[in-house]
Amino acid sequence: MSSRSEPDLRGKVAVVTGATRGAGRAIAIELGAAGATVFVAGRTTREQQSEIGRSETIEDTADLVDAAGGKGIAVRCDLTDPSDVDALAARIGKLDIFVDNAWGGENLVEWGKFWEHDLDRQLRMWRNGVETHLVAIHKLVPLVLQSDAGLVVEVTDGEDGEAYFVNLPYDAVKNTVRRFGEVLAKDLKDHPNVTALAVTPGFLRSEQMLEGFGVTEANWRDAIKDVPDYALSETPHYLGRGIAHLAADENRARFSGQCLSSWKLKREYGFTDLDGSQPDWGHWWDDVVKPRMAGQAVDADPEKYR
């Protein structure tokens, strides 16, 4: 199925935090592809790496926004530092779309029992994953209130509390961020010009996830033999396209306070992933993953869920 209509965000101004790589980068690009001006906020620049130690930069993301048809503006911003976010806010001025995507915990996750983990690392994950969102909300939501049709999006992992992430701090971070979307909607009830909600991807093929499975985007299916559920994985652009459609939807207030998954957004707006497929992790989870976890044998064709 092709997109029912392409989103038009010309004249709109967006900021995406944590836009150096992964979902943040793809969201920024897809907003740019719809014509938006996108402030790309993150810590790694061509001159300075963050503690994550990866090579992707905010300047690279801004260039990709430009190439997609938008206008990308790279702003180095450490979201744990309120003064950095003040400086970002001062540069933005008008703000229509605020995507609160900061994470910064890739190198801090330790799977298993929390009390066996390094406490400082887990506290750092909490700070990077939760405090950054609080700082950004405090500094940037007032700008969105000035928009005629504002949108605040909290990016999390998981559409509800059902999934078990095998790491207490990670689980707590993602559930807290999802709750931010719900509570912001209540806080903004007297501002009908602004919609707030949360979103989540499915099984993501980010740069780090691909590397972790020893594959690339070109041969990602090679990982399925070791991780069968990866057959339902999606690129970060899938969620990015969903957010772009949401931002262009004049009636998006009907979703206020909800957590919208990439597959729910797909069902609503009919867009595709980069390869033209429409992976539906939600249906796969219900039909295959949950029965398997309950000890049932399930024989399902992944292609029928794409």
C-alpha atoms as a PDB file:
ATOM      1  CA  MET A   1       0.000   0.000   0.000  1.00  0.00           C
ATOM      2  CA  SER A   2       1.331   3.474  -0.802  1.00  0.00           C
ATOM      3  CA  SER A   3       0.868   6.601   1.267  1.00  0.00           C
ATOM      4  CA  ARG A   4      -2.650   8.016   0.953  1.00  0.00           C
ATOM      5  CA  SER A   5      -1.197  11.525   0.682  1.00  0.00           C
ATOM      6  CA  GLU A   6       2.202  13.009   1.332  1.00  0.00           C
ATOM      7  CA  PRO A   7       2.433  15.214   4.435  1.00  0.00           C
ATOM      8  CA  ASP A   8       3.019  18.908   3.817  1.00  0.00           C
ATOM      9  CA  LEU A   9       4.941  20.715   6.573  1.00  0.00           C
ATOM     10  CA  ARG A  10       6.194  23.677   4.580  1.00  0.00           C
ATOM     11  CA  GLY A  11       6.438  26.733   6.809  1.00  0.00           C
ATOM     12  CA  LYS A  12       6.592  24.601   9.963  1.00  0.00           C
ATOM     13  CA  VAL A  13       9.507  24.708  12.393  1.00  0.00           C
ATOM     14  CA  ALA A  14      10.544  21.591  14.295  1.00  0.00           C
ATOM     15  CA  VAL A  15      13.148  20.601  16.830  1.00  0.00           C
ATOM     16  CA  VAL A  16      14.247  17.008  17.295  1.00  0.00           C
ATOM     17  CA  THR A  17      16.385  16.216  20.314  1.00  0.00           C
ATOM     18  CA  GLY A  18      18.730  13.265  20.215  1.00  0.00           C
ATOM     19  CA  ALA A  19      18.844  13.685  16.438  1.00  0.00           C
ATOM     20  CA  THR A  20      22.425  12.555  15.912  1.00  0.00           C
ATOM     21  CA  ARG A  21      21.470   9.019  14.881  1.00  0.00           C
ATOM     22  CA  GLY A  22      18.783   6.355  15.078  1.00  0.00           C
ATOM     23  CA  ALA A  23      15.145   7.340  15.364  1.00  0.00           C
ATOM     24  CA  GLY A  24      15.994  10.991  16.015  1.00  0.00           C
ATOM     25  CA  ARG A  25      17.946  11.313  12.782  1.00  0.00           C
ATOM     26  CA  ALA A  26      15.255   9.580  10.717  1.00  0.00           C
ATOM     27  CA  ILE A  27      12.469  11.663  12.281  1.00  0.00           C
ATOM     28  CA  ALA A  28      14.367  14.853  11.444  1.00  0.00           C
ATOM     29  CA  ILE A  29      14.894  13.693   7.849  1.00  0.00           C
ATOM     30  CA  GLU A  30      11.244  12.763   7.340  1.00  0.00           C
ATOM     31  CA  LEU A  31      10.052  16.077   8.774  1.00  0.00           C
ATOM     32  CA  GLY A  32      12.458  17.745   6.361  1.00  0.00           C
ATOM     33  CA  ALA A  33      11.158  15.642   3.476  1.00  0.00           C
ATOM     34  CA  ALA A  34       7.726  17.110   4.238  1.00  0.00           C
ATOM     35  CA  GLY A  35       9.188  20.615   3.942  1.00  0.00           C
ATOM     36  CA  ALA A  36       9.854  21.572   7.563  1.00  0.00           C
ATOM     37  CA  THR A  37      12.751  23.544   8.961  1.00  0.00           C
ATOM     38  CA  VAL A  38      14.321  21.203  11.511  1.00  0.00           C
ATOM     39  CA  PHE A  39      16.625  22.135  14.365  1.00  0.00           C
ATOM     40  CA  VAL A  40      18.787  19.074  14.887  1.00  0.00           C
ATOM     41  CA  ALA A  41      19.860  18.913  18.538  1.00  0.00           C
ATOM     42  CA  GLY A  42      22.449  16.508  19.925  1.00  0.00           C
ATOM     43  CA  ARG A  43      25.882  16.248  21.498  1.00  0.00           C
ATOM     44  CA  THR A  44      28.150  14.799  18.814  1.00  0.00           C
ATOM     45  CA  THR A  45      29.541  17.251  16.275  1.00  0.00           C
ATOM     46  CA  ARG A  46      32.274  16.938  13.691  1.00  0.00           C
ATOM     47  CA  GLU A  47      34.628  18.444  16.257  1.00  0.00           C
ATOM     48  CA  GLN A  48      33.434  16.752  19.453  1.00  0.00           C
ATOM     49  CA  GLN A  49      32.081  13.282  20.251  1.00  0.00           C
ATOM     50  CA  SER A  50      29.691  12.495  23.068  1.00  0.00           C
ATOM     51  CA  GLU A  51      30.333   9.755  25.626  1.00  0.00           C
ATOM     52  CA  ILE A  52      28.557   7.323  23.276  1.00  0.00           C
ATOM     53  CA  GLY A  53      31.658   7.388  21.097  1.00  0.00           C
ATOM     54  CA  ARG A  54      29.964   6.949  17.733  1.00  0.00           C
ATOM     55  CA  SER A  55      30.829   8.698  14.475  1.00  0.00           C
ATOM     56  CA  GLU A  56      27.412  10.087  13.490  1.00  0.00           C
ATOM     57  CA  THR A  57      27.107  13.872  13.908  1.00  0.00           C
ATOM     58  CA  ILE A  58      24.365  16.468  14.082  1.00  0.00           C
ATOM     59  CA  GLU A  59      25.879  18.232  11.070  1.00  0.00           C
ATOM     60  CA  ASP A  60      25.502  15.032   9.049  1.00  0.00           C
ATOM     61  CA  THR A  61      21.854  14.823  10.090  1.00  0.00           C
ATOM     62  CA  ALA A  62      21.258  18.461   9.128  1.00  0.00           C
ATOM     63  CA  ASP A  63      22.792  17.789   5.697  1.00  0.00           C
ATOM     64  CA  LEU A  64      20.459  14.813   5.257  1.00  0.00           C
ATOM     65  CA  VAL A  65      17.479  17.016   6.165  1.00  0.00           C
ATOM     66  CA  ASP A  66      18.586  19.457   3.462  1.00  0.00           C
ATOM     67  CA  ALA A  67      18.984  16.646   0.943  1.00  0.00           C
ATOM     68  CA  ALA A  68      15.473  15.413   1.744  1.00  0.00           C
ATOM     69  CA  GLY A  69      14.010  18.811   0.836  1.00  0.00           C
ATOM     70  CA  GLY A  70      13.827  20.587   4.175  1.00  0.00           C
ATOM     71  CA  LYS A  71      16.170  22.936   6.005  1.00  0.00           C
ATOM     72  CA  GLY A  72      18.393  21.373   8.651  1.00  0.00           C
ATOM     73  CA  ILE A  73      20.025  23.456  11.380  1.00  0.00           C
ATOM     74  CA  ALA A  74      22.522  21.659  13.617  1.00  0.00           C
ATOM     75  CA  VAL A  75      22.712  22.869  17.222  1.00  0.00           C
ATOM     76  CA  ARG A  76      25.021  21.186  19.704  1.00  0.00           C
ATOM     77  CA  CYS A  77      23.000  20.762  22.885  1.00  0.00           C
ATOM     78  CA  ASP A  78      23.629  18.741  26.036  1.00  0.00           C
ATOM     79  CA  LEU A  79      20.104  18.290  27.339  1.00  0.00           C
ATOM     80  CA  THR A  80      21.316  17.581  30.865  1.00  0.00           C
ATOM     81  CA  ASP A  81      22.524  21.221  30.923  1.00  0.00           C
ATOM     82  CA  PRO A  82      19.608  23.695  31.160  1.00  0.00           C
ATOM     83  CA  SER A  83      21.798  26.537  29.896  1.00  0.00           C
ATOM     84  CA  ASP A  84      22.446  24.591  26.686  1.00  0.00           C
ATOM     85  CA  VAL A  85      18.706  24.163  26.188  1.00  0.00           C
ATOM     86  CA  ASP A  86      18.155  27.870  26.901  1.00  0.00           C
ATOM     87  CA  ALA A  87      20.588  28.613  24.079  1.00  0.00           C
ATOM     88  CA  LEU A  88      18.739  26.206  21.784  1.00  0.00           C
ATOM     89  CA  ALA A  89      15.397  27.830  22.616  1.00  0.00           C
ATOM     90  CA  ALA A  90      16.838  31.284  21.909  1.00  0.00           C
ATOM     91  CA  ARG A  91      17.851  30.155  18.416  1.00  0.00           C
ATOM     92  CA  ILE A  92      14.518  28.578  17.570  1.00  0.00           C
ATOM     93  CA  GLY A  93      11.995  31.326  18.227  1.00  0.00           C
ATOM     94  CA  LYS A  94       8.877  29.942  16.568  1.00  0.00           C
ATOM     95  CA  LEU A  95       8.270  26.236  17.230  1.00  0.00           C
ATOM     96  CA  ASP A  96       5.461  24.103  15.818  1.00  0.00           C
ATOM     97  CA  ILE A  97       6.748  20.531  16.291  1.00  0.00           C
ATOM     98  CA  PHE A  98       8.778  19.415  19.299  1.00  0.00           C
ATOM     99  CA  VAL A  99      10.029  15.818  19.179  1.00  0.00           C
ATOM    100  CA  ASP A 100      11.512  14.938  22.579  1.00  0.00           C
ATOM    101  CA  ASN A 101      13.694  11.996  21.589  1.00  0.00           C
ATOM    102  CA  ALA A 102      16.853  12.216  23.716  1.00  0.00           C
ATOM    103  CA  TRP A 103      18.158   8.884  25.003  1.00  0.00           C
ATOM    104  CA  GLY A 104      21.927   8.634  25.462  1.00  0.00           C
ATOM    105  CA  GLY A 105      21.819   5.240  27.148  1.00  0.00           C
ATOM    106  CA  GLU A 106      23.079   2.970  24.384  1.00  0.00           C
ATOM    107  CA  ASN A 107      26.378   2.306  26.111  1.00  0.00           C
ATOM    108  CA  LEU A 108      24.883   2.047  29.602  1.00  0.00           C
ATOM    109  CA  VAL A 109      22.365  -0.799  29.337  1.00  0.00           C
ATOM    110  CA  GLU A 110      23.291  -3.973  31.231  1.00  0.00           C
ATOM    111  CA  TRP A 111      20.808  -6.804  30.791  1.00  0.00           C
ATOM    112  CA  GLY A 112      19.956  -8.887  33.815  1.00  0.00           C
ATOM    113  CA  LYS A 113      19.416  -8.267  37.524  1.00  0.00           C
ATOM    114  CA  PHE A 114      19.624  -4.613  38.513  1.00  0.00           C
ATOM    115  CA  TRP A 115      21.438  -5.226  41.806  1.00  0.00           C
ATOM    116  CA  GLU A 116      24.250  -6.917  39.910  1.00  0.00           C
ATOM    117  CA  HIS A 117      24.844  -3.877  37.694  1.00  0.00           C
ATOM    118  CA  ASP A 118      27.142  -0.900  38.085  1.00  0.00           C
ATOM    119  CA  LEU A 119      25.014   1.637  39.961  1.00  0.00           C
ATOM    120  CA  ASP A 120      26.700   4.734  38.541  1.00  0.00           C
ATOM    121  CA  ARG A 121      26.025   3.536  34.992  1.00  0.00           C
ATOM    122  CA  GLN A 122      22.362   2.886  35.726  1.00  0.00           C
ATOM    123  CA  LEU A 123      21.931   6.279  37.394  1.00  0.00           C
ATOM    124  CA  ARG A 124      23.559   7.882  34.372  1.00  0.00           C
ATOM    125  CA  MET A 125      21.072   6.092  32.133  1.00  0.00           C
ATOM    126  CA  TRP A 126      18.224   7.525  34.182  1.00  0.00           C
ATOM    127  CA  ARG A 127      19.681  11.016  33.926  1.00  0.00           C
ATOM    128  CA  ASN A 128      20.284  10.789  30.181  1.00  0.00           C
ATOM    129  CA  GLY A 129      16.911   9.192  29.458  1.00  0.00           C
ATOM    130  CA  VAL A 130      14.572  11.047  31.830  1.00  0.00           C
ATOM    131  CA  GLU A 131      16.116  14.293  33.098  1.00  0.00           C
ATOM    132  CA  THR A 132      16.880  15.344  29.526  1.00  0.00           C
ATOM    133  CA  HIS A 133      13.188  15.095  28.686  1.00  0.00           C
ATOM    134  CA  LEU A 134      12.173  17.113  31.721  1.00  0.00           C
ATOM    135  CA  VAL A 135      14.650  19.871  30.903  1.00  0.00           C
ATOM    136  CA  ALA A 136      13.542  19.984  27.269  1.00  0.00           C
ATOM    137  CA  ILE A 137       9.851  20.051  28.211  1.00  0.00           C
ATOM    138  CA  HIS A 138      10.439  22.908  30.641  1.00  0.00           C
ATOM    139  CA  LYS A 139      12.366  25.005  28.140  1.00  0.00           C
ATOM    140  CA  LEU A 140      10.683  24.208  24.825  1.00  0.00           C
ATOM    141  CA  VAL A 141       6.987  23.597  25.492  1.00  0.00           C
ATOM    142  CA  PRO A 142       6.439  27.348  26.145  1.00  0.00           C
ATOM    143  CA  LEU A 143       7.588  27.962  22.559  1.00  0.00           C
ATOM    144  CA  VAL A 144       5.125  25.400  21.207  1.00  0.00           C
ATOM    145  CA  LEU A 145       2.283  27.149  23.061  1.00  0.00           C
ATOM    146  CA  GLN A 146       2.795  30.107  20.705  1.00  0.00           C
ATOM    147  CA  SER A 147       2.099  27.958  17.640  1.00  0.00           C
ATOM    148  CA  ASP A 148      -1.321  28.014  16.013  1.00  0.00           C
ATOM    149  CA  ALA A 149      -1.151  24.213  15.758  1.00  0.00           C
ATOM    150  CA  GLY A 150       1.565  22.783  17.970  1.00  0.00           C
ATOM    151  CA  LEU A 151       2.632  19.187  18.477  1.00  0.00           C
ATOM    152  CA  VAL A 152       4.710  17.691  21.306  1.00  0.00           C
ATOM    153  CA  VAL A 153       5.917  14.113  20.805  1.00  0.00           C
ATOM    154  CA  GLU A 154       7.611  12.009  23.477  1.00  0.00           C
ATOM    155  CA  VAL A 155       9.584   9.142  21.899  1.00  0.00           C
ATOM    156  CA  THR A 156       9.717   5.969  24.001  1.00  0.00           C
ATOM    157  CA  ASP A 157      10.013   2.187  23.618  1.00  0.00           C
ATOM    158  CA  GLY A 158       6.841   0.112  23.997  1.00  0.00           C
ATOM    159  CA  GLU A 159       3.227   1.205  23.656  1.00  0.00           C
ATOM    160  CA  ASP A 160       2.255  -0.016  27.132  1.00  0.00           C
ATOM    161  CA  GLY A 161       3.790  -1.695  30.161  1.00  0.00           C
ATOM    162  CA  GLU A 162       3.360  -5.232  28.852  1.00  0.00           C
ATOM    163  CA  ALA A 163       6.828  -5.798  27.403  1.00  0.00           C
ATOM    164  CA  TYR A 164       9.602  -6.938  29.773  1.00  0.00           C
ATOM    165  CA  PHE A 165      12.878  -5.241  28.900  1.00  0.00           C
ATOM    166  CA  VAL A 166      15.099  -7.309  31.249  1.00  0.00           C
ATOM    167  CA  ASN A 167      16.653  -4.179  32.747  1.00  0.00           C
ATOM    168  CA  LEU A 168      14.941  -2.271  35.539  1.00  0.00           C
ATOM    169  CA  PRO A 169      16.328   1.224  34.810  1.00  0.00           C
ATOM    170  CA  TYR A 170      15.743   0.889  31.047  1.00  0.00           C
ATOM    171  CA  ASP A 171      12.180  -0.251  31.670  1.00  0.00           C
ATOM    172  CA  ALA A 172      11.626   2.602  34.122  1.00  0.00           C
ATOM    173  CA  VAL A 173      13.052   5.204  31.714  1.00  0.00           C
ATOM    174  CA  LYS A 174      10.860   4.147  28.802  1.00  0.00           C
ATOM    175  CA  ASN A 175       7.699   3.813  30.880  1.00  0.00           C
ATOM    176  CA  THR A 176       8.336   7.238  32.426  1.00  0.00           C
ATOM    177  CA  VAL A 177       8.792   8.884  29.032  1.00  0.00           C
ATOM    178  CA  ARG A 178       5.585   7.287  27.792  1.00  0.00           C
ATOM    179  CA  ARG A 179       3.807   8.655  30.858  1.00  0.00           C
ATOM    180  CA  PHE A 180       5.182  12.136  30.061  1.00  0.00           C
ATOM    181  CA  GLY A 181       3.144  12.105  26.844  1.00  0.00           C
ATOM    182  CA  GLU A 182      -0.007  11.238  28.768  1.00  0.00           C
ATOM    183  CA  VAL A 183       0.517  13.796  31.522  1.00  0.00           C
ATOM    184  CA  LEU A 184       1.518  16.579  29.126  1.00  0.00           C
ATOM    185  CA  ALA A 185      -1.825  16.142  27.399  1.00  0.00           C
ATOM    186  CA  LYS A 186      -3.545  16.772  30.728  1.00  0.00           C
ATOM    187  CA  ASP A 187      -1.323  19.770  31.483  1.00  0.00           C
ATOM    188  CA  LEU A 188      -2.175  21.233  28.069  1.00  0.00           C
ATOM    189  CA  LYS A 189      -5.950  20.762  28.277  1.00  0.00           C
ATOM    190  CA  ASP A 190      -6.404  24.539  28.400  1.00  0.00           C
ATOM    191  CA  HIS A 191      -4.295  24.921  25.236  1.00  0.00           C
ATOM    192  CA  PRO A 192      -6.381  23.352  22.455  1.00  0.00           C
ATOM    193  CA  ASN A 193      -3.859  24.573  19.894  1.00  0.00           C
ATOM    194  CA  VAL A 194      -1.288  22.010  21.127  1.00  0.00           C
ATOM    195  CA  THR A 195      -1.453  18.205  21.018  1.00  0.00           C
ATOM    196  CA  ALA A 196       0.855  16.107  23.211  1.00  0.00           C
ATOM    197  CA  LEU A 197       1.362  12.354  23.026  1.00  0.00           C
ATOM    198  CA  ALA A 198       3.981   9.609  22.952  1.00  0.00           C
ATOM    199  CA  VAL A 199       5.167   7.372  20.118  1.00  0.00           C
ATOM    200  CA  THR A 200       7.133   4.146  19.894  1.00  0.00           C
ATOM    201  CA  PRO A 201       8.873   2.237  17.111  1.00  0.00           C
ATOM    202  CA  GLY A 202       8.702  -1.522  16.771  1.00  0.00           C
ATOM    203  CA  PHE A 203      11.817  -3.705  16.418  1.00  0.00           C
ATOM    204  CA  LEU A 204      14.214  -1.043  15.191  1.00  0.00           C
ATOM    205  CA  ARG A 205      17.000  -1.330  12.629  1.00  0.00           C
ATOM    206  CA  SER A 206      19.057   1.567  13.943  1.00  0.00           C
ATOM    207  CA  GLU A 207      22.756   1.870  13.187  1.00  0.00           C
ATOM    208  CA  GLN A 208      23.672   0.387  16.550  1.00  0.00           C
ATOM    209  CA  MET A 209      21.137  -2.440  16.341  1.00  0.00           C
ATOM    210  CA  LEU A 210      22.405  -3.444  12.910  1.00  0.00           C
ATOM    211  CA  GLU A 211      25.982  -3.435  14.147  1.00  0.00           C
ATOM    212  CA  GLY A 212      25.000  -5.431  17.203  1.00  0.00           C
ATOM    213  CA  PHE A 213      23.603  -8.170  14.973  1.00  0.00           C
ATOM    214  CA  GLY A 214      26.621  -7.994  12.675  1.00  0.00           C
ATOM    215  CA  VAL A 215      24.629  -6.907   9.619  1.00  0.00           C
ATOM    216  CA  THR A 216      23.960  -3.806   7.534  1.00  0.00           C
ATOM    217  CA  GLU A 217      20.782  -2.372   6.122  1.00  0.00           C
ATOM    218  CA  ALA A 218      21.655  -4.111   2.852  1.00  0.00           C
ATOM    219  CA  ASN A 219      21.794  -7.614   4.381  1.00  0.00           C
ATOM    220  CA  TRP A 220      19.754  -7.199   7.571  1.00  0.00           C
ATOM    221  CA  ARG A 221      17.751 -10.355   6.863  1.00  0.00           C
ATOM    222  CA  ASP A 222      20.884 -12.408   7.613  1.00  0.00           C
ATOM    223  CA  ALA A 223      20.211 -11.732  11.305  1.00  0.00           C
ATOM    224  CA  ILE A 224      16.839 -13.491  11.194  1.00  0.00           C
ATOM    225  CA  LYS A 225      18.409 -16.945  11.560  1.00  0.00           C
ATOM    226  CA  ASP A 226      19.646 -15.958  15.039  1.00  0.00           C
ATOM    227  CA  VAL A 227      16.796 -13.598  15.967  1.00  0.00           C
ATOM    228  CA  PRO A 228      13.627 -14.769  14.156  1.00  0.00           C
ATOM    229  CA  ASP A 229      11.562 -11.782  15.286  1.00  0.00           C
ATOM    230  CA  TYR A 230      13.931  -9.508  13.379  1.00  0.00           C
ATOM    231  CA  ALA A 231      11.905 -10.492  10.314  1.00  0.00           C
ATOM    232  CA  LEU A 232       9.414  -7.854  11.510  1.00  0.00           C
ATOM    233  CA  SER A 233      12.014  -5.151  12.087  1.00  0.00           C
ATOM    234  CA  GLU A 234      11.678  -1.665  10.665  1.00  0.00           C
ATOM    235  CA  THR A 235      13.964   1.211   9.751  1.00  0.00           C
ATOM    236  CA  PRO A 236      13.868   4.338  11.931  1.00  0.00           C
ATOM    237  CA  HIS A 237      12.280   6.123   8.966  1.00  0.00           C
ATOM    238  CA  TYR A 238       9.090   4.144   9.483  1.00  0.00           C
ATOM    239  CA  LEU A 239       8.370   5.965  12.737  1.00  0.00           C
ATOM    240  CA  GLY A 240       9.680   9.194  11.208  1.00  0.00           C
ATOM    241  CA  ARG A 241       7.142   8.983   8.422  1.00  0.00           C
ATOM    242  CA  GLY A 242       4.403   8.331  10.937  1.00  0.00           C
ATOM    243  CA  ILE A 243       5.327  11.449  12.897  1.00  0.00           C
ATOM    244  CA  ALA A 244       5.430  13.539   9.723  1.00  0.00           C
ATOM    245  CA  HIS A 245       1.899  12.394   8.819  1.00  0.00           C
ATOM    246  CA  LEU A 246       0.756  13.052  12.381  1.00  0.00           C
ATOM    247  CA  ALA A 247       2.230  16.563  12.318  1.00  0.00           C
ATOM    248  CA  ALA A 248       0.363  17.308   9.083  1.00  0.00           C
ATOM    249  CA  ASP A 249      -2.955  15.953  10.389  1.00  0.00           C
ATOM    250  CA  GLU A 250      -5.242  18.851  11.294  1.00  0.00           C
ATOM    251  CA  ASN A 251      -7.355  16.493  13.412  1.00  0.00           C
ATOM    252  CA  ARG A 252      -4.523  14.912  15.418  1.00  0.00           C
ATOM    253  CA  ALA A 253      -5.996  16.133  18.727  1.00  0.00           C
ATOM    254  CA  ARG A 254      -8.044  12.913  18.738  1.00  0.00           C
ATOM    255  CA  PHE A 255      -4.812  11.136  19.718  1.00  0.00           C
ATOM    256  CA  SER A 256      -4.012  13.453  22.637  1.00  0.00           C
ATOM    257  CA  GLY A 257      -2.353  11.634  25.547  1.00  0.00           C
ATOM    258  CA  GLN A 258      -2.066   8.315  23.718  1.00  0.00           C
ATOM    259  CA  CYS A 259       1.022   6.294  22.860  1.00  0.00           C
ATOM    260  CA  LEU A 260       0.993   5.711  19.116  1.00  0.00           C
ATOM    261  CA  SER A 261       3.156   2.942  17.710  1.00  0.00           C
ATOM    262  CA  SER A 262       4.676   2.944  14.249  1.00  0.00           C
ATOM    263  CA  TRP A 263       2.223   0.205  13.255  1.00  0.00           C
ATOM    264  CA  LYS A 264      -0.787   2.104  14.566  1.00  0.00           C
ATOM    265  CA  LEU A 265       0.370   5.186  12.685  1.00  0.00           C
ATOM    266  CA  LYS A 266       0.773   3.021   9.576  1.00  0.00           C
ATOM    267  CA  ARG A 267      -2.762   1.698   9.949  1.00  0.00           C
ATOM    268  CA  GLU A 268      -4.035   5.268  10.280  1.00  0.00           C
ATOM    269  CA  TYR A 269      -2.090   6.958   7.475  1.00  0.00           C
ATOM    270  CA  GLY A 270      -1.117   4.130   5.105  1.00  0.00           C
ATOM    271  CA  PHE A 271       2.570   4.991   4.609  1.00  0.00           C
ATOM    272  CA  THR A 272       5.351   2.467   3.994  1.00  0.00           C
ATOM    273  CA  ASP A 273       8.860   1.841   5.219  1.00  0.00           C
ATOM    274  CA  LEU A 274      11.813   2.641   2.944  1.00  0.00           C
ATOM    275  CA  ASP A 275      11.541  -0.712   1.159  1.00  0.00           C
ATOM    276  CA  GLY A 276       7.830  -0.310   0.462  1.00  0.00           C
ATOM    277  CA  SER A 277       6.767  -2.805   3.145  1.00  0.00           C
ATOM    278  CA  GLN A 278       4.487  -2.150   6.123  1.00  0.00           C
ATOM    279  CA  PRO A 279       5.811  -4.173   9.070  1.00  0.00           C
ATOM    280  CA  ASP A 280       3.177  -4.596  11.768  1.00  0.00           C
ATOM    281  CA  TRP A 281       5.018  -5.511  14.949  1.00  0.00           C
ATOM    282  CA  GLY A 282       1.801  -5.203  16.965  1.00  0.00           C
ATOM    283  CA  HIS A 283       0.046  -7.995  15.097  1.00  0.00           C
ATOM    284  CA  TRP A 284       3.218 -10.116  15.155  1.00  0.00           C
ATOM    285  CA  TRP A 285       3.501  -9.622  18.924  1.00  0.00           C
ATOM    286  CA  ASP A 286      -0.111 -10.672  19.503  1.00  0.00           C
ATOM    287  CA  ASP A 287      -0.151 -13.591  17.077  1.00  0.00           C
ATOM    288  CA  VAL A 288       3.365 -14.985  17.446  1.00  0.00           C
ATOM    289  CA  VAL A 289       5.492 -13.590  20.281  1.00  0.00           C
ATOM    290  CA  LYS A 290       2.957 -13.771  23.105  1.00  0.00           C
ATOM    291  CA  PRO A 291       1.779 -17.328  22.289  1.00  0.00           C
ATOM    292  CA  ARG A 292       5.398 -18.441  21.999  1.00  0.00           C
ATOM    293  CA  MET A 293       6.181 -16.918  25.407  1.00  0.00           C
ATOM    294  CA  ALA A 294       3.265 -18.928  26.786  1.00  0.00           C
ATOM    295  CA  GLY A 295       4.824 -22.130  25.465  1.00  0.00           C
ATOM    296  CA  GLN A 296       2.684 -22.514  22.355  1.00  0.00           C
ATOM    297  CA  ALA A 297       4.180 -23.582  19.048  1.00  0.00           C
ATOM    298  CA  VAL A 298       3.430 -20.993  16.370  1.00  0.00           C
ATOM    299  CA  ASP A 299       4.093 -21.325  12.642  1.00  0.00           C
ATOM    300  CA  ALA A 300       3.633 -17.949  10.964  1.00  0.00           C
ATOM    301  CA  ASP A 301       4.923 -16.390   7.759  1.00  0.00           C
ATOM    302  CA  PRO A 302       6.598 -13.058   8.627  1.00  0.00           C
ATOM    303  CA  GLU A 303       6.011 -11.712   5.133  1.00  0.00           C
ATOM    304  CA  LYS A 304       2.272 -11.752   5.786  1.00  0.00           C
ATOM    305  CA  TYR A 305       2.893  -9.278   8.608  1.00  0.00           C
ATOM    306  CA  ARG A 306       4.890  -6.869   6.438  1.00  0.00           C
END
